């Protein structure tokens, strides 16, 4: 299997030699900048784009024509305002504008004074920086051990269950990847997934993308079929993480691409659960439910069709948490449609699956699946259907969510605020929404911020109240 088989069906991917060549070319250019690194901006990239009369959308299309991968205009904007593109995109931009990496300011000129390094203001930033450096140079054993020390000693995340030596392999030995290497890669994917609960999505995207690039490079080499299938499964799980992170930062194009990669990887690995999860993730891009059911450009019919496909692929033998989640999502979309009967049927199926969950099935994104998680879905359904018990159900769900799980907690708080507004309790609604806003804005979870606009719509009758006005101003500033 070649690398391009893991991508969206419309996409192609440069060969492994091309990708390695791009990395080697950039690494040989003096002061290397790390993908995702922040610097003062790339006015030269913007100048060259303006010189051709191109919009950011046009440059995104040009990149798509060159490599077949979707790049959003917001990604172009981030590159022009300080984020370093990944190696593949750096080389493609050099080709498109017929300039070298120095001229586009992707690398420091060897004669230039080194730029001062901004001090890291928190241990979590040190952890993420260390993760990124691990991916940039696997042969540096000291960096790998420093990452483990930072994570373990500071207690920001569980100690990674990884043998550092199992992640080190010389570049010429890619064809001989063994079980220990695969175990290390799987453990790293799992650990990055666990960080979703405690690290802001936009901060975690860089190391996740770097890990996925490393896995893609490995998939470009030939391996025994069992190893290749397992590599595909690990890459698919990592792409799922990237898809959810992009979804929560409102980059739907990137999220869609990664969910498609995860689905293709699941097919190649023969992993039906991975395929089903990817389809369920893609449904979030069409459904109005993740935004609290407020009027959006959502396409409920497409969302339900994706869920039907996911449920069929998963089958009755799928892990109980996956079946419970898919049924709960389907209940939400039926609630968006106002179909009370089908909504409650789906909730019943979700409850039955939740009752069957075994401890060993609580892994990955479903490691916290329990009655409280189901109550969060149930409460949203009740809210959308106008049921009086929505607030009580959401309060019950909230009691089961740990404070550190900011994305889930802020979403439930937002729905609870909407329920209070529906009950005619604007002060309580604003107080609850303010707590949700603090969590969501602090981690820059854009989906939760958009979800909160639905609360303001429900508070419109009390728009002259100082608390409502204050909430509106805070949301606008977030």
Protein backbone atom coordinates (compact mmCIF):
# COMPACT_ATOMS: atom_id res chain seq x y z
CA UNK A 1 0.00 0.00 0.00
CA UNK A 2 1.28 3.45 -0.88
CA UNK A 3 0.83 6.57 1.19
CA UNK A 4 -1.92 7.98 -1.02
CA UNK A 5 -4.26 5.10 -0.17
CA UNK A 6 -4.71 6.62 3.29
CA UNK A 7 -5.98 9.91 1.94
CA UNK A 8 -9.33 11.19 0.78
CA UNK A 9 -10.38 9.40 -2.44
CA UNK A 10 -9.95 12.62 -4.42
CA UNK A 11 -6.46 13.22 -3.05
CA UNK A 12 -3.04 12.08 -4.16
CA UNK A 13 0.15 12.31 -2.19
CA UNK A 14 3.75 12.90 -3.27
CA UNK A 15 5.95 9.84 -3.06
CA UNK A 16 7.92 9.00 0.05
CA UNK A 17 11.06 10.17 -1.75
CA UNK A 18 9.40 13.52 -2.47
CA UNK A 19 8.34 13.99 1.14
CA UNK A 20 11.76 13.00 2.47
CA UNK A 21 13.39 15.26 -0.11
CA UNK A 22 11.30 18.19 1.01
CA UNK A 23 12.32 17.64 4.62
CA UNK A 24 16.00 17.18 3.77
CA UNK A 25 16.03 20.27 1.55
CA UNK A 26 14.59 22.44 4.30
CA UNK A 27 16.75 20.91 7.02
CA UNK A 28 19.85 21.72 4.97
CA UNK A 29 19.01 25.41 4.72
CA UNK A 30 20.57 26.69 7.93
CA UNK A 31 18.25 27.95 10.65
CA UNK A 32 15.45 25.41 10.42
CA UNK A 33 12.03 26.47 11.60
CA UNK A 34 9.81 23.76 13.08
CA UNK A 35 6.37 23.21 11.55
CA UNK A 36 3.76 24.94 13.66
CA UNK A 37 6.34 27.21 15.31
CA UNK A 38 5.20 30.78 15.89
CA UNK A 39 7.30 33.71 14.70
CA UNK A 40 6.61 37.33 13.81
CA UNK A 41 4.80 36.54 10.58
CA UNK A 42 5.62 35.99 6.90
CA UNK A 43 4.85 39.27 5.18
CA UNK A 44 6.78 37.99 2.16
CA UNK A 45 4.25 35.19 1.64
CA UNK A 46 1.42 37.70 1.78
CA UNK A 47 3.33 40.11 -0.51
CA UNK A 48 3.92 37.40 -3.12
CA UNK A 49 0.26 36.34 -2.94
CA UNK A 50 -0.89 39.95 -3.35
CA UNK A 51 1.58 40.49 -6.20
CA UNK A 52 -0.22 37.79 -8.17
CA UNK A 53 -3.61 39.18 -7.25
CA UNK A 54 -4.56 35.99 -5.47
CA UNK A 55 -6.91 35.67 -2.53
CA UNK A 56 -6.15 33.22 0.25
CA UNK A 57 -8.84 30.98 -1.29
CA UNK A 58 -6.99 31.04 -4.63
CA UNK A 59 -3.68 30.08 -3.01
CA UNK A 60 -5.47 27.25 -1.19
CA UNK A 61 -6.77 25.99 -4.56
CA UNK A 62 -3.28 26.17 -6.06
CA UNK A 63 -1.90 24.05 -3.24
CA UNK A 64 -4.73 21.56 -3.77
CA UNK A 65 -3.85 21.33 -7.47
CA UNK A 66 -0.21 20.69 -6.64
CA UNK A 67 -0.60 18.01 -3.96
CA UNK A 68 -4.28 17.04 -3.87
CA UNK A 69 -4.71 17.98 -0.21
CA UNK A 70 -7.31 20.45 0.99
CA UNK A 71 -5.90 23.55 2.69
CA UNK A 72 -8.31 26.05 4.22
CA UNK A 73 -7.93 29.84 3.73
CA UNK A 74 -7.68 30.12 7.52
CA UNK A 75 -4.55 27.95 7.35
CA UNK A 76 -3.05 30.34 4.77
CA UNK A 77 -3.88 33.21 7.12
CA UNK A 78 -2.10 31.49 10.02
CA UNK A 79 1.01 31.03 7.86
CA UNK A 80 0.96 34.74 7.01
CA UNK A 81 0.58 35.69 10.66
CA UNK A 82 3.26 33.61 12.25
CA UNK A 83 2.75 29.84 11.93
CA UNK A 84 5.42 27.85 10.09
CA UNK A 85 3.96 25.56 7.37
CA UNK A 86 4.74 21.85 7.46
CA UNK A 87 7.70 20.72 5.29
CA UNK A 88 5.55 19.51 2.39
CA UNK A 89 3.71 22.82 2.14
CA UNK A 90 6.94 24.82 2.48
CA UNK A 91 8.39 23.11 -0.58
CA UNK A 92 5.16 23.47 -2.55
CA UNK A 93 4.95 27.20 -1.74
CA UNK A 94 8.54 27.61 -2.93
CA UNK A 95 7.60 25.90 -6.20
CA UNK A 96 4.41 27.93 -6.68
CA UNK A 97 6.10 31.30 -6.11
CA UNK A 98 9.43 30.22 -7.67
CA UNK A 99 11.35 31.40 -4.61
CA UNK A 100 13.55 29.59 -2.13
CA UNK A 101 12.88 29.04 1.55
CA UNK A 102 15.07 32.00 2.53
CA UNK A 103 13.14 34.38 0.31
CA UNK A 104 9.78 33.23 1.70
CA UNK A 105 11.22 33.58 5.24
CA UNK A 106 10.60 29.93 6.16
CA UNK A 107 14.22 29.54 7.31
CA UNK A 108 16.72 31.95 8.80
CA UNK A 109 19.58 32.98 6.55
CA UNK A 110 22.81 31.46 7.89
CA UNK A 111 24.35 34.96 8.18
CA UNK A 112 21.40 36.37 10.13
CA UNK A 113 21.52 36.91 13.87
CA UNK A 114 19.59 34.19 15.66
CA UNK A 115 16.16 35.30 16.72
CA UNK A 116 15.63 35.43 20.49
CA UNK A 117 13.67 32.54 21.85
CA UNK A 118 10.56 33.51 23.76
CA UNK A 119 10.52 31.99 27.25
CA UNK A 120 7.97 29.29 27.80
CA UNK A 121 5.43 30.55 30.28
CA UNK A 122 4.06 27.22 31.45
CA UNK A 123 5.11 23.62 31.88
CA UNK A 124 2.36 22.52 29.50
CA UNK A 125 3.99 24.57 26.73
CA UNK A 126 7.29 22.86 27.53
CA UNK A 127 5.60 19.49 27.21
CA UNK A 128 4.12 20.35 23.83
CA UNK A 129 7.40 21.79 22.59
CA UNK A 130 9.19 18.65 23.72
CA UNK A 131 6.62 16.47 21.95
CA UNK A 132 7.19 18.40 18.74
CA UNK A 133 10.96 18.05 18.97
CA UNK A 134 10.60 14.30 19.50
CA UNK A 135 8.79 14.07 16.19
CA UNK A 136 11.31 16.31 14.41
CA UNK A 137 14.26 14.09 15.36
CA UNK A 138 13.54 10.53 16.52
CA UNK A 139 17.25 9.71 16.86
CA UNK A 140 17.74 12.15 19.75
CA UNK A 141 17.32 9.87 22.75
CA UNK A 142 17.96 12.67 25.23
CA UNK A 143 14.95 14.64 23.94
CA UNK A 144 12.70 11.59 24.18
CA UNK A 145 13.73 11.00 27.77
CA UNK A 146 13.26 14.69 28.60
CA UNK A 147 9.68 14.52 27.30
CA UNK A 148 8.97 11.57 29.57
CA UNK A 149 10.53 13.39 32.52
CA UNK A 150 8.46 16.54 31.92
CA UNK A 151 5.18 14.69 31.59
CA UNK A 152 5.79 12.31 34.46
CA UNK A 153 7.33 14.65 37.02
CA UNK A 154 5.05 17.61 36.46
CA UNK A 155 1.91 15.48 36.53
CA UNK A 156 0.26 17.22 33.59
CA UNK A 157 -0.66 13.89 32.02
CA UNK A 158 -0.20 10.21 32.82
CA UNK A 159 3.35 8.98 32.31
CA UNK A 160 3.52 7.83 28.71
CA UNK A 161 3.68 4.00 28.64
CA UNK A 162 6.45 4.14 26.05
CA UNK A 163 9.89 2.61 26.00
CA UNK A 164 11.93 5.49 24.45
CA UNK A 165 14.26 3.06 22.70
CA UNK A 166 11.30 1.45 20.94
CA UNK A 167 10.65 4.69 19.05
CA UNK A 168 14.17 5.06 17.67
CA UNK A 169 15.01 3.55 14.30
CA UNK A 170 17.54 4.63 11.69
CA UNK A 171 16.06 5.99 8.48
CA UNK A 172 17.56 3.18 6.39
CA UNK A 173 15.83 0.58 8.58
CA UNK A 174 12.21 1.60 7.90
CA UNK A 175 11.43 -1.73 6.28
CA UNK A 176 12.24 -3.64 9.49
CA UNK A 177 9.79 -2.09 11.92
CA UNK A 178 9.00 -4.51 14.70
CA UNK A 179 6.44 -5.14 17.38
CA UNK A 180 8.18 -2.94 19.97
CA UNK A 181 8.19 -0.01 17.55
CA UNK A 182 4.50 -0.50 16.83
CA UNK A 183 3.73 -0.73 20.54
CA UNK A 184 5.52 2.58 21.09
CA UNK A 185 3.67 4.28 18.26
CA UNK A 186 0.33 2.98 19.54
CA UNK A 187 1.12 4.17 23.07
CA UNK A 188 2.07 7.60 21.79
CA UNK A 189 -1.19 7.88 19.86
CA UNK A 190 -3.14 6.86 22.96
CA UNK A 191 -1.30 9.40 25.11
CA UNK A 192 -1.95 12.22 22.65
CA UNK A 193 -5.59 11.21 22.67
CA UNK A 194 -5.72 11.47 26.45
CA UNK A 195 -4.33 15.02 26.25
CA UNK A 196 -7.49 16.12 24.41
CA UNK A 197 -9.17 16.41 27.81
CA UNK A 198 -6.62 18.78 29.31
CA UNK A 199 -4.78 20.59 26.48
CA UNK A 200 -6.28 23.26 24.23
CA UNK A 201 -7.09 21.89 20.74
CA UNK A 202 -5.01 24.39 18.77
CA UNK A 203 -1.97 23.67 20.99
CA UNK A 204 -2.27 19.90 20.58
CA UNK A 205 -2.73 19.94 16.80
CA UNK A 206 0.96 20.49 16.03
CA UNK A 207 2.31 17.36 17.77
CA UNK A 208 -0.63 15.28 16.50
CA UNK A 209 0.01 16.38 12.91
CA UNK A 210 3.73 15.66 13.35
CA UNK A 211 3.00 12.16 14.64
CA UNK A 212 0.67 11.53 11.71
CA UNK A 213 3.35 12.67 9.25
CA UNK A 214 5.79 10.23 10.84
CA UNK A 215 3.28 7.41 10.48
CA UNK A 216 2.60 8.38 6.86
CA UNK A 217 6.34 8.21 6.14
CA UNK A 218 6.47 4.73 7.63
CA UNK A 219 3.50 3.65 5.53
CA UNK A 220 5.46 4.63 2.44
CA UNK A 221 7.75 1.65 2.97
CA UNK A 222 6.96 -2.01 2.52
CA UNK A 223 6.19 -4.04 5.63
CA UNK A 224 4.82 -7.51 6.33
CA UNK A 225 1.05 -7.44 5.98
CA UNK A 226 0.28 -7.72 9.74
CA UNK A 227 2.62 -4.81 10.54
CA UNK A 228 1.23 -2.76 7.69
CA UNK A 229 -2.36 -3.28 8.82
CA UNK A 230 -1.47 -2.32 12.37
CA UNK A 231 0.35 0.80 11.14
CA UNK A 232 -2.79 1.73 9.21
CA UNK A 233 -4.90 1.34 12.34
CA UNK A 234 -2.52 3.51 14.39
CA UNK A 235 -2.46 6.16 11.66
CA UNK A 236 -6.25 6.07 11.51
CA UNK A 237 -6.58 6.56 15.27
CA UNK A 238 -4.16 9.48 15.07
CA UNK A 239 -6.10 11.00 12.17
CA UNK A 240 -9.28 10.72 14.26
CA UNK A 241 -7.64 12.77 17.01
CA UNK A 242 -6.57 15.37 14.46
CA UNK A 243 -10.07 15.44 13.01
CA UNK A 244 -11.70 16.17 16.37
CA UNK A 245 -9.11 18.81 17.25
CA UNK A 246 -9.67 20.57 13.92
CA UNK A 247 -13.43 20.35 14.43
CA UNK A 248 -13.15 22.08 17.79
CA UNK A 249 -11.01 24.84 16.25
CA UNK A 250 -13.65 25.35 13.53
CA UNK A 251 -11.39 24.16 10.69
CA UNK A 252 -13.97 21.94 9.01
CA UNK A 253 -11.92 21.37 5.84
CA UNK A 254 -9.03 19.94 7.86
CA UNK A 255 -11.42 17.94 10.06
CA UNK A 256 -13.13 16.43 7.02
CA UNK A 257 -9.82 15.44 5.47
CA UNK A 258 -8.64 13.71 8.64
CA UNK A 259 -11.92 11.89 9.19
CA UNK A 260 -11.67 10.64 5.60
CA UNK A 261 -8.09 9.52 6.21
CA UNK A 262 -9.22 7.67 9.33
CA UNK A 263 -12.01 5.95 7.41
CA UNK A 264 -9.66 4.86 4.61
CA UNK A 265 -7.12 3.64 7.16
CA UNK A 266 -9.83 1.66 8.92
CA UNK A 267 -10.80 0.00 5.64
CA UNK A 268 -7.20 -0.95 4.89
CA UNK A 269 -6.66 -2.24 8.44
CA UNK A 270 -9.94 -4.15 8.43
CA UNK A 271 -11.00 -2.19 11.54
CA UNK A 272 -14.77 -1.70 11.40
CA UNK A 273 -14.87 0.26 14.66
CA UNK A 274 -12.34 2.76 13.33
CA UNK A 275 -14.38 3.20 10.15
CA UNK A 276 -17.57 3.71 12.15
CA UNK A 277 -15.96 6.25 14.46
CA UNK A 278 -14.63 8.19 11.46
CA UNK A 279 -18.10 8.30 9.89
CA UNK A 280 -19.56 9.42 13.21
CA UNK A 281 -16.96 12.15 13.42
CA UNK A 282 -17.74 13.35 9.92
CA UNK A 283 -21.41 13.54 10.88
CA UNK A 284 -20.49 16.32 13.34
CA UNK A 285 -19.55 18.51 10.37
CA UNK A 286 -23.14 18.36 9.08
CA UNK A 287 -25.23 18.14 12.23
CA UNK A 288 -26.66 21.14 14.08
CA UNK A 289 -26.63 19.16 17.34
CA UNK A 290 -22.95 19.81 18.28
CA UNK A 291 -23.80 23.51 18.18
CA UNK A 292 -26.72 23.08 20.54
CA UNK A 293 -29.21 22.61 17.73
CA UNK A 294 -29.31 26.33 16.87
CA UNK A 295 -30.13 27.31 13.32
CA UNK A 296 -27.00 26.78 11.25
CA UNK A 297 -26.12 25.58 7.79
CA UNK A 298 -26.45 22.04 9.12
CA UNK A 299 -27.68 19.22 6.93
CA UNK A 300 -29.55 16.81 9.19
CA UNK A 301 -30.38 14.39 6.38
CA UNK A 302 -26.69 13.94 5.56
CA UNK A 303 -25.82 13.66 9.26
CA UNK A 304 -28.38 10.86 9.73
CA UNK A 305 -27.21 9.10 6.58
CA UNK A 306 -23.62 9.09 7.86
CA UNK A 307 -24.78 7.70 11.19
CA UNK A 308 -26.79 4.96 9.49
CA UNK A 309 -23.68 4.02 7.53
CA UNK A 310 -21.55 4.08 10.68
CA UNK A 311 -24.00 1.89 12.61
CA UNK A 312 -24.12 -0.60 9.74
CA UNK A 313 -20.32 -0.76 9.47
CA UNK A 314 -19.87 -1.11 13.24
CA UNK A 315 -22.34 -3.99 13.53
CA UNK A 316 -23.66 -5.58 16.70
CA UNK A 317 -20.21 -6.86 17.69
CA UNK A 318 -18.72 -3.36 17.96
CA UNK A 319 -17.55 -2.14 21.39
CA UNK A 320 -20.52 -1.07 23.51
CA UNK A 321 -19.32 2.54 24.03
CA UNK A 322 -19.09 3.07 20.27
CA UNK A 323 -22.59 1.69 19.72
CA UNK A 324 -23.91 3.82 22.58
CA UNK A 325 -22.32 6.99 21.20
CA UNK A 326 -23.59 6.45 17.65
CA UNK A 327 -27.12 5.85 18.92
CA UNK A 328 -26.94 8.96 21.14
CA UNK A 329 -25.78 11.05 18.16
CA UNK A 330 -28.65 9.70 16.11
CA UNK A 331 -31.08 10.65 18.89
CA UNK A 332 -29.74 14.22 18.80
CA UNK A 333 -30.27 14.56 15.05
CA UNK A 334 -33.81 13.19 15.32
CA UNK A 335 -34.38 15.79 18.06
CA UNK A 336 -33.10 18.53 15.74
CA UNK A 337 -35.73 17.31 13.25
CA UNK A 338 -38.38 17.33 15.98
CA UNK A 339 -38.95 13.58 15.66
CA UNK A 340 -39.70 12.70 19.28
CA UNK A 341 -40.50 9.03 18.64
CA UNK A 342 -37.27 8.19 16.78
CA UNK A 343 -35.26 10.29 19.22
CA UNK A 344 -36.40 8.32 22.25
CA UNK A 345 -35.99 5.00 20.43
CA UNK A 346 -32.37 5.90 19.71
CA UNK A 347 -31.82 6.99 23.31
CA UNK A 348 -33.16 3.63 24.48
CA UNK A 349 -30.70 1.81 22.21
CA UNK A 350 -27.91 4.00 23.58
CA UNK A 351 -28.92 3.19 27.16
CA UNK A 352 -28.96 -0.54 26.41
CA UNK A 353 -25.46 -0.34 24.94
CA UNK A 354 -24.23 1.79 27.88
CA UNK A 355 -25.46 -0.87 30.29
CA UNK A 356 -23.30 -3.41 28.43
CA UNK A 357 -20.03 -1.46 28.63
CA UNK A 358 -17.12 -3.43 30.07
CA UNK A 359 -14.13 -1.76 31.78
CA UNK A 360 -11.70 -2.86 29.05
CA UNK A 361 -13.86 -1.09 26.43
CA UNK A 362 -13.38 2.34 28.01
CA UNK A 363 -10.43 3.38 25.85
CA UNK A 364 -9.61 6.25 23.53
CA UNK A 365 -12.36 8.80 23.05
CA UNK A 366 -14.77 6.53 24.93
CA UNK A 367 -12.67 6.06 28.09
CA UNK A 368 -15.15 8.27 29.97
CA UNK A 369 -18.34 6.79 28.52
CA UNK A 370 -20.87 6.20 31.28
CA UNK A 371 -24.40 7.22 32.29
CA UNK A 372 -23.27 10.81 32.85
CA UNK A 373 -21.95 11.02 29.28
CA UNK A 374 -25.23 9.61 27.98
CA UNK A 375 -27.18 12.07 30.13
CA UNK A 376 -25.38 14.93 28.36
CA UNK A 377 -26.77 13.67 25.04
CA UNK A 378 -30.16 12.94 26.59
CA UNK A 379 -30.35 16.42 28.12
CA UNK A 380 -29.63 18.08 24.77
CA UNK A 381 -32.34 15.96 23.13
CA UNK A 382 -34.83 17.02 25.81
CA UNK A 383 -33.83 20.65 25.36
CA UNK A 384 -34.35 20.49 21.60
CA UNK A 385 -37.73 18.79 22.05
CA UNK A 386 -38.85 21.32 24.68
CA UNK A 387 -39.03 18.82 27.55
CA UNK A 388 -39.21 20.32 31.04
CA UNK A 389 -36.79 17.76 32.51
CA UNK A 390 -33.85 18.92 30.34
CA UNK A 391 -32.29 21.07 33.09
CA UNK A 392 -32.45 18.28 35.67
CA UNK A 393 -30.89 15.78 33.25
CA UNK A 394 -28.06 18.18 32.36
CA UNK A 395 -27.35 18.93 36.04
CA UNK A 396 -27.07 15.19 36.63
CA UNK A 397 -24.69 14.87 33.69
CA UNK A 398 -22.58 17.76 34.97
CA UNK A 399 -22.03 16.06 38.33
CA UNK A 400 -20.34 13.17 36.52
CA UNK A 401 -17.89 15.28 34.47
CA UNK A 402 -14.48 16.02 35.97
CA UNK A 403 -13.56 19.74 35.99
CA UNK A 404 -10.40 19.12 33.91
CA UNK A 405 -12.47 17.90 30.95
CA UNK A 406 -13.08 21.45 29.74
CA UNK A 407 -14.55 20.75 26.28
CA UNK A 408 -17.24 18.35 27.49
CA UNK A 409 -17.97 20.35 30.62
CA UNK A 410 -18.32 23.66 28.76
CA UNK A 411 -20.71 22.06 26.23
CA UNK A 412 -22.97 20.67 28.98
CA UNK A 413 -22.88 23.97 30.87
CA UNK A 414 -23.92 25.78 27.69
CA UNK A 415 -26.85 23.44 27.16
CA UNK A 416 -27.83 23.85 30.81
CA UNK A 417 -27.78 27.63 30.38
CA UNK A 418 -30.09 27.25 27.37
CA UNK A 419 -32.41 25.07 29.45
CA UNK A 420 -32.55 27.72 32.20
CA UNK A 421 -33.38 30.36 29.59
CA UNK A 422 -36.21 28.20 28.30
CA UNK A 423 -37.53 27.90 31.87
CA UNK A 424 -37.59 31.71 32.14
CA UNK A 425 -34.60 31.99 34.50
CA UNK A 426 -32.29 34.48 32.72
CA UNK A 427 -30.04 35.22 35.72
CA UNK A 428 -29.29 31.55 36.30
CA UNK A 429 -28.82 31.08 32.54
CA UNK A 430 -26.27 33.91 32.37
CA UNK A 431 -24.38 32.65 35.42
CA UNK A 432 -24.12 29.16 33.95
CA UNK A 433 -23.21 30.46 30.49
CA UNK A 434 -20.48 32.64 31.98
CA UNK A 435 -18.89 29.58 33.57
CA UNK A 436 -19.03 27.76 30.23
CA UNK A 437 -17.56 30.78 28.45
CA UNK A 438 -14.61 30.92 30.83
CA UNK A 439 -13.77 27.29 30.08
CA UNK A 440 -14.30 27.50 26.31
CA UNK A 441 -12.53 30.83 25.78
CA UNK A 442 -9.58 29.80 27.94
CA UNK A 443 -8.96 26.76 25.74
CA UNK A 444 -10.15 28.43 22.50
CA UNK A 445 -12.75 25.73 21.86
CA UNK A 446 -14.51 27.47 18.97
CA UNK A 447 -17.38 24.98 18.73
CA UNK A 448 -18.42 25.72 22.31
CA UNK A 449 -18.25 29.45 21.65
CA UNK A 450 -20.51 29.03 18.63
CA UNK A 451 -22.82 26.81 20.68
CA UNK A 452 -23.21 29.66 23.17
CA UNK A 453 -24.74 31.93 20.54
CA UNK A 454 -27.81 29.74 20.78
CA UNK A 455 -28.07 30.64 24.45
CA UNK A 456 -28.08 34.34 23.55
CA UNK A 457 -30.90 33.72 21.09
CA UNK A 458 -32.94 32.13 23.85
CA UNK A 459 -32.15 35.13 26.09
CA UNK A 460 -33.29 37.68 23.54
CA UNK A 461 -36.45 38.49 25.52
CA UNK A 462 -34.19 39.69 28.38
CA UNK A 463 -31.58 41.44 26.23
CA UNK A 464 -31.86 44.66 28.27
CA UNK A 465 -30.79 42.95 31.50
CA UNK A 466 -27.23 43.91 32.54
CA UNK A 467 -26.25 40.26 32.98
CA UNK A 468 -27.37 39.43 29.43
CA UNK A 469 -25.56 42.45 28.02
CA UNK A 470 -22.41 41.52 29.90
CA UNK A 471 -22.57 37.94 28.59
CA UNK A 472 -23.07 39.24 25.05
CA UNK A 473 -20.01 41.51 25.32
CA UNK A 474 -17.87 38.73 26.75
CA UNK A 475 -18.86 36.37 23.95
CA UNK A 476 -18.12 38.98 21.29
CA UNK A 477 -14.67 39.53 22.80
CA UNK A 478 -13.84 35.82 23.03
